């Protein structure tokens, strides 16, 4: 006869999926504070001042289009003024994670033709220029200037939330020196009279001014006072940090510092542009910050850039990415006194304008399993995850000539199954099944092994034989270590195996009914 022994193991996957919670918010309709404007308002501000230029104007914008300021520049040229333009070619824009469509390139080519017609009065140089500002007569006592986050294009004019701030006379003079260096030493090409692009060497060597405490900049790989200020603001934060931006680079050292602060208990808020693009979605690119405890708010049309702690901060043109903090041409302003209060008012407006709050809840695993729960994984925001109760993995039936060998094979099979689950190439684990855009997750997996074991007849006339411990007996010319069948009694089986190893024989069960 034979007996069947069922061995089972519950395989609980380790906690591995963050529960990301997204709450819809009802935005409040409020008037924008003075620091925030649309670029349509910016065009109304910049146009008359550019047209009134008496000697020189400097215009920098990552993107440009004809309907913004070129007409105003023509008016200034008519009075003998000259304009200097810094911009970024569409084919360079991919470094900033911006549009590089064929339509963009075509628009740029048409724009260069327009600039070519102005070549006698305008000099246009192309490079990794991402800063946005206007300087009017920067070398005269009546100089004026503005720094903004807005590109001078129609899309930004109508939709984006941008900042615009007027510069002081000192800041204008210093920015002119920095821009003169970048204009001649960091540009790749210049627009010719026929609209073509040509590499033109720098006529003279211009110095880069020393680092300043108020005006911040990134100039290629040579100067990074903006990045240094950003790290200083983050590292000095004691109770709060607020970041506001458009493009984010996952695992940039600055954002890793922010995540560290969040883990230390600093209240971290991040304002991002509302988007459905998977590659820009905050649960994908900012998942490390979410897991650290930061809260993320989605604001429609957001393009302004700020970084504040409880005491100071900066605003500027750079995104929180290597192309901006570590390279390119960017400008920022340290926020103090009145500018700091204006920035706080702008961020308060953004808080009220947010349409979503995204936060990190917990880890999904055996400790906090709830059947039927749905959530999102930060790396795959398009997938809906649903937790199911359990499933059983089938394993082969094992048959052996003796119980000890059978037990060893059964344990090996169990170990193999669990190892396969734990070391699967599927990063979500084989306890997941995918059905379209839905993924079912299983808290536990039951692995069962059925074994058919040999038996030794129990001689009922021999009442002295102990029945609850291993016993060495002879049967059919062989020696056996026999034990009573007791389902789940692994201690008894281990004792029998130890004795069998010592006696160099096999293990079997007593057959109580021969």
Protein backbone atom coordinates (compact mmCIF):
# COMPACT_ATOMS: atom_id res chain seq x y z
CA UNK A 1 0.00 0.00 0.00
CA UNK A 2 0.95 3.62 -0.17
CA UNK A 3 0.11 6.87 1.48
CA UNK A 4 -0.03 10.35 -0.04
CA UNK A 5 1.73 13.20 1.63
CA UNK A 6 0.91 16.81 0.55
CA UNK A 7 3.57 19.43 1.09
CA UNK A 8 2.69 23.08 0.42
CA UNK A 9 4.36 26.45 0.75
CA UNK A 10 2.92 29.94 0.57
CA UNK A 11 5.18 32.09 -1.55
CA UNK A 12 4.67 35.72 -0.54
CA UNK A 13 6.24 38.17 -3.02
CA UNK A 14 8.30 40.87 -1.32
CA UNK A 15 6.93 44.41 -1.12
CA UNK A 16 7.80 45.83 -4.52
CA UNK A 17 5.09 48.14 -5.83
CA UNK A 18 4.57 51.66 -4.50
CA UNK A 19 0.94 52.68 -4.17
CA UNK A 20 0.73 56.02 -5.97
CA UNK A 21 -2.39 57.97 -5.14
CA UNK A 22 -3.75 60.62 -7.51
CA UNK A 23 -6.45 62.94 -6.20
CA UNK A 24 -8.34 65.24 -8.53
CA UNK A 25 -8.45 68.83 -7.25
CA UNK A 26 -10.98 71.54 -8.01
CA UNK A 27 -8.85 74.52 -9.09
CA UNK A 28 -9.75 77.96 -7.78
CA UNK A 29 -10.12 80.74 -10.33
CA UNK A 30 -7.92 83.58 -9.09
CA UNK A 31 -6.18 86.54 -10.68
CA UNK A 32 -2.52 85.84 -11.34
CA UNK A 33 -0.03 87.69 -9.10
CA UNK A 34 2.16 90.33 -10.83
CA UNK A 35 5.11 87.95 -11.24
CA UNK A 36 3.11 85.49 -13.38
CA UNK A 37 1.94 86.38 -16.88
CA UNK A 38 1.15 84.74 -20.18
CA UNK A 39 3.59 85.38 -23.00
CA UNK A 40 0.83 87.29 -24.79
CA UNK A 41 1.12 89.86 -22.03
CA UNK A 42 4.88 89.55 -22.37
CA UNK A 43 4.72 90.48 -26.06
CA UNK A 44 2.68 93.56 -25.19
CA UNK A 45 5.37 94.50 -22.66
CA UNK A 46 8.44 93.76 -24.78
CA UNK A 47 7.23 95.07 -28.16
CA UNK A 48 7.06 98.82 -27.42
CA UNK A 49 10.38 98.80 -25.50
CA UNK A 50 12.17 96.93 -28.30
CA UNK A 51 10.72 99.28 -30.90
CA UNK A 52 11.95 102.27 -28.84
CA UNK A 53 15.56 101.00 -28.73
CA UNK A 54 18.00 103.82 -29.44
CA UNK A 55 21.31 101.97 -29.78
CA UNK A 56 21.37 98.24 -28.98
CA UNK A 57 18.93 95.50 -27.94
CA UNK A 58 19.77 91.92 -26.96
CA UNK A 59 17.06 89.28 -27.25
CA UNK A 60 17.50 85.68 -26.09
CA UNK A 61 14.83 83.00 -26.51
CA UNK A 62 15.07 79.25 -26.90
CA UNK A 63 12.23 79.38 -29.45
CA UNK A 64 11.27 82.29 -31.71
CA UNK A 65 8.50 83.03 -34.20
CA UNK A 66 7.89 85.99 -36.53
CA UNK A 67 4.72 87.26 -34.89
CA UNK A 68 6.44 88.14 -31.62
CA UNK A 69 9.15 90.77 -31.76
CA UNK A 70 10.68 90.89 -35.24
CA UNK A 71 8.27 93.62 -36.35
CA UNK A 72 9.29 95.71 -33.33
CA UNK A 73 12.95 95.12 -34.19
CA UNK A 74 12.35 96.44 -37.71
CA UNK A 75 11.05 99.69 -36.23
CA UNK A 76 14.20 100.02 -34.10
CA UNK A 77 16.39 99.24 -37.11
CA UNK A 78 14.69 102.07 -38.98
CA UNK A 79 16.15 104.49 -36.44
CA UNK A 80 19.63 103.00 -36.74
CA UNK A 81 19.56 100.66 -33.76
CA UNK A 82 21.10 97.18 -33.89
CA UNK A 83 19.70 93.98 -32.40
CA UNK A 84 21.50 90.83 -31.29
CA UNK A 85 19.56 87.57 -31.06
CA UNK A 86 20.42 84.30 -29.32
CA UNK A 87 18.28 81.27 -30.10
CA UNK A 88 18.40 77.47 -30.45
CA UNK A 89 18.00 75.63 -33.73
CA UNK A 90 15.25 72.97 -33.83
CA UNK A 91 17.86 70.32 -34.48
CA UNK A 92 19.66 71.26 -31.26
CA UNK A 93 16.42 71.39 -29.29
CA UNK A 94 16.34 67.62 -28.76
CA UNK A 95 19.09 68.06 -26.17
CA UNK A 96 16.54 69.97 -24.11
CA UNK A 97 13.81 67.36 -24.65
CA UNK A 98 11.88 69.75 -26.88
CA UNK A 99 10.01 69.35 -30.15
CA UNK A 100 12.16 68.59 -33.21
CA UNK A 101 9.39 67.93 -35.68
CA UNK A 102 9.80 68.54 -39.39
CA UNK A 103 7.31 71.38 -39.06
CA UNK A 104 9.50 73.05 -36.41
CA UNK A 105 12.55 72.78 -38.64
CA UNK A 106 10.59 74.24 -41.57
CA UNK A 107 9.43 77.15 -39.40
CA UNK A 108 13.00 77.79 -38.31
CA UNK A 109 14.20 77.87 -41.92
CA UNK A 110 11.52 80.46 -42.75
CA UNK A 111 12.52 82.47 -39.70
CA UNK A 112 16.16 82.50 -40.78
CA UNK A 113 15.07 83.89 -44.15
CA UNK A 114 13.32 86.73 -42.31
CA UNK A 115 16.43 87.40 -40.23
CA UNK A 116 18.55 87.33 -43.38
CA UNK A 117 16.61 90.33 -44.67
CA UNK A 118 17.56 92.16 -41.45
CA UNK A 119 21.20 91.08 -41.54
CA UNK A 120 22.51 94.62 -41.89
CA UNK A 121 20.91 95.58 -38.57
CA UNK A 122 20.52 92.24 -36.77
CA UNK A 123 23.02 89.57 -35.80
CA UNK A 124 21.48 86.16 -35.05
CA UNK A 125 23.60 83.40 -33.57
CA UNK A 126 22.52 79.80 -32.95
CA UNK A 127 23.65 77.61 -30.08
CA UNK A 128 22.50 75.82 -26.95
CA UNK A 129 20.80 79.02 -25.80
CA UNK A 130 17.85 78.37 -23.50
CA UNK A 131 17.78 81.66 -21.56
CA UNK A 132 14.91 84.10 -22.17
CA UNK A 133 15.37 87.85 -21.68
CA UNK A 134 15.30 91.27 -23.32
CA UNK A 135 17.92 93.97 -22.75
CA UNK A 136 17.29 97.44 -24.21
CA UNK A 137 20.24 99.84 -24.50
CA UNK A 138 22.16 97.87 -21.83
CA UNK A 139 25.29 100.08 -22.00
CA UNK A 140 23.45 103.38 -21.45
CA UNK A 141 22.18 105.04 -18.24
CA UNK A 142 18.57 104.50 -19.40
CA UNK A 143 18.95 100.74 -19.80
CA UNK A 144 15.98 98.43 -19.29
CA UNK A 145 15.75 94.66 -19.05
CA UNK A 146 13.51 91.73 -18.17
CA UNK A 147 14.10 88.07 -17.38
CA UNK A 148 11.35 85.57 -18.18
CA UNK A 149 10.66 81.84 -18.45
CA UNK A 150 8.63 82.34 -21.65
CA UNK A 151 9.74 81.45 -25.14
CA UNK A 152 8.86 84.17 -27.63
CA UNK A 153 6.43 82.04 -29.64
CA UNK A 154 2.68 82.13 -30.12
CA UNK A 155 1.98 78.89 -28.20
CA UNK A 156 3.52 80.37 -25.08
CA UNK A 157 1.74 83.68 -25.77
CA UNK A 158 -1.71 82.12 -25.44
CA UNK A 159 -1.41 79.23 -23.00
CA UNK A 160 1.59 79.01 -20.70
CA UNK A 161 1.98 80.15 -17.11
CA UNK A 162 5.27 82.09 -17.07
CA UNK A 163 7.19 84.47 -14.84
CA UNK A 164 8.46 87.90 -15.93
CA UNK A 165 10.55 90.16 -13.70
CA UNK A 166 12.21 93.49 -14.38
CA UNK A 167 15.97 93.65 -13.85
CA UNK A 168 17.88 96.31 -11.97
CA UNK A 169 20.46 98.50 -13.72
CA UNK A 170 23.28 96.52 -12.09
CA UNK A 171 21.77 93.18 -13.18
CA UNK A 172 21.32 94.44 -16.75
CA UNK A 173 24.94 95.57 -17.02
CA UNK A 174 26.20 92.24 -15.63
CA UNK A 175 23.88 90.14 -17.81
CA UNK A 176 25.08 92.06 -20.87
CA UNK A 177 28.69 91.05 -20.09
CA UNK A 178 27.75 87.40 -19.56
CA UNK A 179 25.66 87.35 -22.76
CA UNK A 180 28.42 89.01 -24.81
CA UNK A 181 30.70 86.13 -23.84
CA UNK A 182 28.05 83.46 -24.61
CA UNK A 183 27.02 85.16 -27.87
CA UNK A 184 30.51 84.99 -29.35
CA UNK A 185 32.08 81.98 -27.60
CA UNK A 186 29.18 79.51 -27.18
CA UNK A 187 27.33 79.87 -30.50
CA UNK A 188 27.64 77.17 -33.16
CA UNK A 189 26.54 79.14 -36.24
CA UNK A 190 25.28 82.53 -37.44
CA UNK A 191 22.40 83.39 -39.79
CA UNK A 192 23.68 84.75 -43.11
CA UNK A 193 21.93 87.25 -45.44
CA UNK A 194 20.51 84.39 -47.54
CA UNK A 195 19.03 82.69 -44.46
CA UNK A 196 21.67 79.96 -44.34
CA UNK A 197 23.66 79.04 -41.24
CA UNK A 198 27.43 79.40 -41.19
CA UNK A 199 30.10 78.98 -38.56
CA UNK A 200 31.61 82.42 -37.88
CA UNK A 201 34.65 82.75 -35.60
CA UNK A 202 34.70 85.17 -32.68
CA UNK A 203 36.28 88.48 -33.77
CA UNK A 204 37.78 89.21 -30.33
CA UNK A 205 38.12 87.47 -26.98
CA UNK A 206 35.56 88.60 -24.40
CA UNK A 207 36.01 87.79 -20.70
CA UNK A 208 33.41 86.00 -18.62
CA UNK A 209 32.69 88.08 -15.50
CA UNK A 210 33.29 86.56 -12.06
CA UNK A 211 30.52 84.76 -10.16
CA UNK A 212 27.82 86.99 -8.68
CA UNK A 213 25.65 86.49 -5.58
CA UNK A 214 22.41 87.74 -7.18
CA UNK A 215 22.59 87.01 -10.92
CA UNK A 216 23.13 83.31 -11.65
CA UNK A 217 24.12 81.59 -14.86
CA UNK A 218 25.07 78.42 -16.69
CA UNK A 219 27.51 79.06 -19.55
CA UNK A 220 28.39 75.85 -21.35
CA UNK A 221 30.67 73.69 -19.23
CA UNK A 222 32.65 76.68 -17.95
CA UNK A 223 30.43 78.40 -15.36
CA UNK A 224 27.68 76.95 -13.16
CA UNK A 225 26.72 79.48 -10.49
CA UNK A 226 23.05 78.62 -11.07
CA UNK A 227 23.65 74.95 -10.25
CA UNK A 228 25.75 75.87 -7.22
CA UNK A 229 22.95 78.10 -5.90
CA UNK A 230 20.41 75.31 -6.46
CA UNK A 231 22.44 72.84 -4.38
CA UNK A 232 22.96 75.45 -1.68
CA UNK A 233 19.21 76.16 -1.42
CA UNK A 234 18.36 72.46 -1.23
CA UNK A 235 21.07 71.59 1.28
CA UNK A 236 20.15 74.49 3.58
CA UNK A 237 16.44 73.61 3.68
CA UNK A 238 15.27 72.80 7.20
CA UNK A 239 11.47 72.57 6.96
CA UNK A 240 10.27 73.11 3.37
CA UNK A 241 11.33 72.87 -0.27
CA UNK A 242 9.27 73.88 -3.30
CA UNK A 243 10.25 73.15 -6.89
CA UNK A 244 8.42 74.34 -9.98
CA UNK A 245 9.49 73.34 -13.49
CA UNK A 246 8.74 71.96 -16.93
CA UNK A 247 11.33 69.25 -17.74
CA UNK A 248 12.76 66.91 -15.10
CA UNK A 249 15.66 64.50 -15.36
CA UNK A 250 15.22 61.34 -13.34
CA UNK A 251 18.10 60.72 -10.92
CA UNK A 252 19.81 64.08 -11.51
CA UNK A 253 22.07 64.72 -8.46
CA UNK A 254 20.04 67.78 -7.45
CA UNK A 255 16.77 65.80 -7.40
CA UNK A 256 18.47 63.03 -5.44
CA UNK A 257 19.41 65.69 -2.86
CA UNK A 258 15.76 66.79 -2.78
CA UNK A 259 14.66 63.17 -2.25
CA UNK A 260 17.14 62.87 0.65
CA UNK A 261 15.63 65.98 2.24
CA UNK A 262 12.14 64.52 1.86
CA UNK A 263 13.23 61.33 3.61
CA UNK A 264 14.64 63.46 6.42
CA UNK A 265 11.21 64.99 7.00
CA UNK A 266 11.43 68.21 4.97
CA UNK A 267 8.05 69.11 3.42
CA UNK A 268 8.71 68.86 -0.35
CA UNK A 269 6.19 70.19 -2.88
CA UNK A 270 6.75 69.93 -6.63
CA UNK A 271 4.68 71.76 -9.25
CA UNK A 272 4.72 70.21 -12.74
CA UNK A 273 2.98 70.85 -16.01
CA UNK A 274 -0.24 68.86 -16.43
CA UNK A 275 0.41 66.23 -19.11
CA UNK A 276 -0.72 62.89 -20.48
CA UNK A 277 2.65 62.17 -22.12
CA UNK A 278 4.07 58.96 -20.63
CA UNK A 279 7.70 60.13 -20.87
CA UNK A 280 6.91 63.37 -19.02
CA UNK A 281 4.43 61.96 -16.54
CA UNK A 282 5.54 62.80 -12.97
CA UNK A 283 4.89 59.27 -11.72
CA UNK A 284 7.55 58.11 -14.18
CA UNK A 285 10.29 60.74 -14.00
CA UNK A 286 9.80 61.75 -10.36
CA UNK A 287 9.01 58.37 -8.79
CA UNK A 288 12.12 58.54 -6.56
CA UNK A 289 10.84 61.79 -5.10
CA UNK A 290 7.35 60.36 -4.66
CA UNK A 291 8.73 57.36 -2.80
CA UNK A 292 10.77 59.70 -0.61
CA UNK A 293 7.58 61.48 0.46
CA UNK A 294 7.31 64.49 -1.88
CA UNK A 295 3.90 65.65 -3.09
CA UNK A 296 3.44 66.57 -6.73
CA UNK A 297 0.85 69.00 -8.08
CA UNK A 298 -0.19 69.25 -11.74
CA UNK A 299 -0.81 72.78 -13.04
CA UNK A 300 -2.19 73.34 -16.60
CA UNK A 301 0.23 75.19 -18.90
CA UNK A 302 2.97 75.53 -16.29
CA UNK A 303 6.34 76.60 -17.72
CA UNK A 304 7.80 78.83 -14.97
CA UNK A 305 10.82 77.61 -12.97
CA UNK A 306 11.34 78.21 -9.24
CA UNK A 307 13.25 76.64 -6.36
CA UNK A 308 12.54 77.86 -2.81
CA UNK A 309 13.25 76.79 0.72
CA UNK A 310 11.84 78.45 3.85
CA UNK A 311 14.34 81.35 3.66
CA UNK A 312 15.37 82.05 0.06
CA UNK A 313 15.40 80.65 -3.45
CA UNK A 314 15.86 81.39 -7.13
CA UNK A 315 13.85 81.65 -10.31
CA UNK A 316 15.30 81.18 -13.75
CA UNK A 317 15.14 79.67 -17.20
CA UNK A 318 16.79 76.29 -16.47
CA UNK A 319 14.91 73.03 -16.22
CA UNK A 320 15.85 70.58 -13.47
CA UNK A 321 18.05 68.54 -15.79
CA UNK A 322 21.67 68.29 -16.90
CA UNK A 323 20.91 70.41 -19.97
CA UNK A 324 20.26 73.52 -17.98
CA UNK A 325 22.00 73.02 -14.66
CA UNK A 326 25.22 71.52 -16.08
CA UNK A 327 25.36 72.76 -19.69
CA UNK A 328 23.77 75.21 -22.14
CA UNK A 329 23.08 78.91 -21.57
CA UNK A 330 20.70 79.73 -18.69
CA UNK A 331 20.05 82.71 -16.43
CA UNK A 332 18.60 82.85 -12.93
CA UNK A 333 17.99 85.34 -10.12
CA UNK A 334 18.45 84.76 -6.42
CA UNK A 335 15.20 85.52 -4.63
CA UNK A 336 15.41 87.85 -1.68
CA UNK A 337 13.15 90.37 0.05
CA UNK A 338 10.40 91.64 -2.30
CA UNK A 339 11.17 89.13 -5.07
CA UNK A 340 10.99 86.28 -2.57
CA UNK A 341 7.54 87.42 -1.43
CA UNK A 342 6.41 87.72 -5.06
CA UNK A 343 7.62 84.17 -5.71
CA UNK A 344 5.73 82.86 -2.66
CA UNK A 345 2.57 84.56 -3.93
CA UNK A 346 3.11 82.93 -7.35
CA UNK A 347 3.49 79.47 -5.78
CA UNK A 348 0.39 80.04 -3.65
CA UNK A 349 -1.52 80.78 -6.85
CA UNK A 350 -0.16 77.56 -8.41
CA UNK A 351 -1.29 75.57 -5.38
CA UNK A 352 -4.83 76.86 -5.92
CA UNK A 353 -4.63 76.32 -9.70
CA UNK A 354 -3.50 72.67 -9.41
CA UNK A 355 -5.81 70.04 -10.91
CA UNK A 356 -4.16 66.95 -9.35
CA UNK A 357 -2.24 65.98 -6.24
CA UNK A 358 0.01 62.94 -6.60
CA UNK A 359 1.44 61.32 -3.48
CA UNK A 360 3.03 58.09 -2.31
CA UNK A 361 0.93 55.87 -0.06
CA UNK A 362 2.83 52.73 0.92
CA UNK A 363 4.36 49.53 -0.40
CA UNK A 364 2.09 46.77 -1.61
CA UNK A 365 3.03 43.42 -0.12
CA UNK A 366 1.87 40.75 2.33
CA UNK A 367 1.64 43.21 5.24
CA UNK A 368 -0.91 45.57 3.71
CA UNK A 369 -2.64 43.41 1.11
CA UNK A 370 -6.25 44.24 0.32
CA UNK A 371 -8.03 42.09 -2.23
CA UNK A 372 -9.41 44.04 -5.16
CA UNK A 373 -7.29 47.13 -4.52
CA UNK A 374 -6.33 49.14 -7.61
CA UNK A 375 -3.35 51.46 -7.99
CA UNK A 376 -0.62 52.64 -10.37
CA UNK A 377 3.04 51.83 -10.63
CA UNK A 378 5.24 54.93 -11.13
CA UNK A 379 7.18 53.38 -14.01
CA UNK A 380 4.00 52.40 -15.91
CA UNK A 381 1.31 55.03 -15.25
CA UNK A 382 -0.79 53.75 -18.15
CA UNK A 383 -1.32 50.36 -16.47
CA UNK A 384 -4.06 49.66 -13.95
CA UNK A 385 -3.01 47.14 -11.27
CA UNK A 386 -5.54 45.03 -9.39
CA UNK A 387 -4.69 42.76 -6.48
CA UNK A 388 -6.18 39.27 -6.45
CA UNK A 389 -6.26 36.81 -3.54
CA UNK A 390 -4.19 33.80 -4.55
CA UNK A 391 -3.30 31.33 -7.26
CA UNK A 392 -1.69 27.87 -7.19
CA UNK A 393 1.23 26.87 -9.36
CA UNK A 394 1.02 23.29 -10.63
CA UNK A 395 4.07 21.10 -10.02
CA UNK A 396 4.88 17.61 -11.23
CA UNK A 397 3.86 14.59 -9.17
CA UNK A 398 6.85 12.94 -7.58
CA UNK A 399 7.21 9.18 -7.07
CA UNK A 400 10.24 7.49 -5.52
CA UNK A 401 11.15 4.11 -4.09
CA UNK A 402 11.56 5.43 -0.57
CA UNK A 403 10.16 8.26 1.48
CA UNK A 404 13.52 9.86 2.23
CA UNK A 405 14.39 10.17 -1.44
CA UNK A 406 10.88 11.36 -2.17
CA UNK A 407 11.05 14.00 0.54
CA UNK A 408 14.38 15.27 -0.82
CA UNK A 409 13.03 15.46 -4.37
CA UNK A 410 9.87 17.16 -3.19
CA UNK A 411 11.85 19.80 -1.29
CA UNK A 412 14.06 20.36 -4.33
CA UNK A 413 10.97 20.85 -6.47
CA UNK A 414 9.59 23.33 -3.97
CA UNK A 415 12.89 25.22 -3.80
CA UNK A 416 13.04 25.35 -7.58
CA UNK A 417 9.51 26.76 -7.82
CA UNK A 418 10.21 29.45 -5.25
CA UNK A 419 13.55 30.31 -6.84
CA UNK A 420 11.85 30.61 -10.23
CA UNK A 421 9.35 33.04 -8.74
CA UNK A 422 11.94 35.11 -6.89
CA UNK A 423 14.47 35.34 -9.73
CA UNK A 424 12.19 35.71 -12.71
CA UNK A 425 13.31 37.97 -15.53
CA UNK A 426 9.92 39.65 -15.34
CA UNK A 427 10.58 42.57 -12.96
CA UNK A 428 7.00 42.46 -11.73
CA UNK A 429 7.30 38.79 -10.82
CA UNK A 430 5.45 35.75 -12.12
CA UNK A 431 2.75 36.37 -9.57
CA UNK A 432 1.42 38.90 -12.12
CA UNK A 433 -0.76 38.18 -15.12
CA UNK A 434 -1.27 40.84 -17.73
CA UNK A 435 -4.56 41.31 -19.55
CA UNK A 436 -4.48 44.33 -21.86
CA UNK A 437 -3.97 47.40 -19.70
CA UNK A 438 -4.85 45.52 -16.52
CA UNK A 439 -2.40 43.59 -14.38
CA UNK A 440 -3.50 41.13 -11.71
CA UNK A 441 -1.19 40.74 -8.75
CA UNK A 442 -1.22 37.86 -6.27
CA UNK A 443 -0.24 38.22 -2.66
CA UNK A 444 0.53 34.55 -2.12
CA UNK A 445 1.25 31.58 -4.34
CA UNK A 446 0.49 28.08 -3.13
CA UNK A 447 2.90 25.45 -4.39
CA UNK A 448 1.72 21.88 -3.79
CA UNK A 449 3.67 18.65 -4.15
CA UNK A 450 1.99 15.23 -3.93
CA UNK A 451 4.19 12.31 -3.13
CA UNK A 452 3.47 8.61 -3.14
CA UNK A 453 5.60 6.96 -0.44
CA UNK A 454 6.41 3.29 0.30
CA UNK A 455 5.03 1.66 3.46
CA UNK A 456 6.17 -1.07 5.82
CA UNK A 457 3.51 -3.37 7.37
CA UNK A 458 3.15 -2.86 11.10
CA UNK A 459 3.16 -6.19 12.98
CA UNK A 460 0.18 -5.75 15.26
CA UNK A 461 1.36 -8.61 17.47
CA UNK A 462 4.45 -6.59 18.32
CA UNK A 463 2.93 -4.02 20.61
CA UNK A 464 6.31 -2.90 21.94
CA UNK A 465 7.20 -0.97 18.78
CA UNK A 466 6.98 2.77 19.44
CA UNK A 467 4.73 4.47 16.99
CA UNK A 468 5.55 8.19 17.49
CA UNK A 469 9.30 8.13 16.84
CA UNK A 470 11.57 6.68 14.15
CA UNK A 471 12.17 2.96 14.51
CA UNK A 472 14.75 0.74 12.74
CA UNK A 473 13.06 -2.44 11.40
CA UNK A 474 13.64 -5.21 8.83
CA UNK A 475 11.16 -5.89 6.05
CA UNK A 476 11.48 -7.93 2.83
CA UNK A 477 15.17 -8.47 3.45
CA UNK A 478 15.92 -4.73 3.88
CA UNK A 479 16.35 -2.40 6.78
CA UNK A 480 14.00 0.60 7.13
CA UNK A 481 13.58 3.57 9.43
CA UNK A 482 9.83 3.65 9.89
CA UNK A 483 7.58 6.43 11.20
CA UNK A 484 3.81 6.80 11.49
CA UNK A 485 2.14 8.92 8.83
CA UNK A 486 1.42 12.36 10.28
CA UNK A 487 0.60 15.06 7.72
CA UNK A 488 2.73 18.16 8.16
CA UNK A 489 4.96 16.68 10.91
CA UNK A 490 8.27 17.79 9.45
CA UNK A 491 10.16 17.30 12.75
CA UNK A 492 9.36 13.58 12.74
CA UNK A 493 10.45 13.28 9.12
CA UNK A 494 13.73 15.12 9.82
CA UNK A 495 14.47 12.78 12.75
CA UNK A 496 13.79 9.76 10.53
CA UNK A 497 16.07 11.10 7.80
CA UNK A 498 18.87 11.66 10.30
CA UNK A 499 18.59 8.10 11.60
CA UNK A 500 18.36 6.68 8.06
CA UNK A 501 21.55 8.52 7.08
CA UNK A 502 23.33 7.12 10.09
CA UNK A 503 22.13 3.55 9.43
CA UNK A 504 22.53 3.87 5.64
CA UNK A 505 19.00 2.78 4.87
CA UNK A 506 15.70 4.27 3.67
CA UNK A 507 12.68 5.84 5.35
CA UNK A 508 9.14 4.42 5.10
CA UNK A 509 5.75 4.86 6.75
CA UNK A 510 4.07 2.28 8.99
CA UNK A 511 1.10 0.73 7.32
CA UNK A 512 -1.42 0.38 10.12
CA UNK A 513 -3.76 -1.71 7.99
CA UNK A 514 -1.70 -4.37 6.23
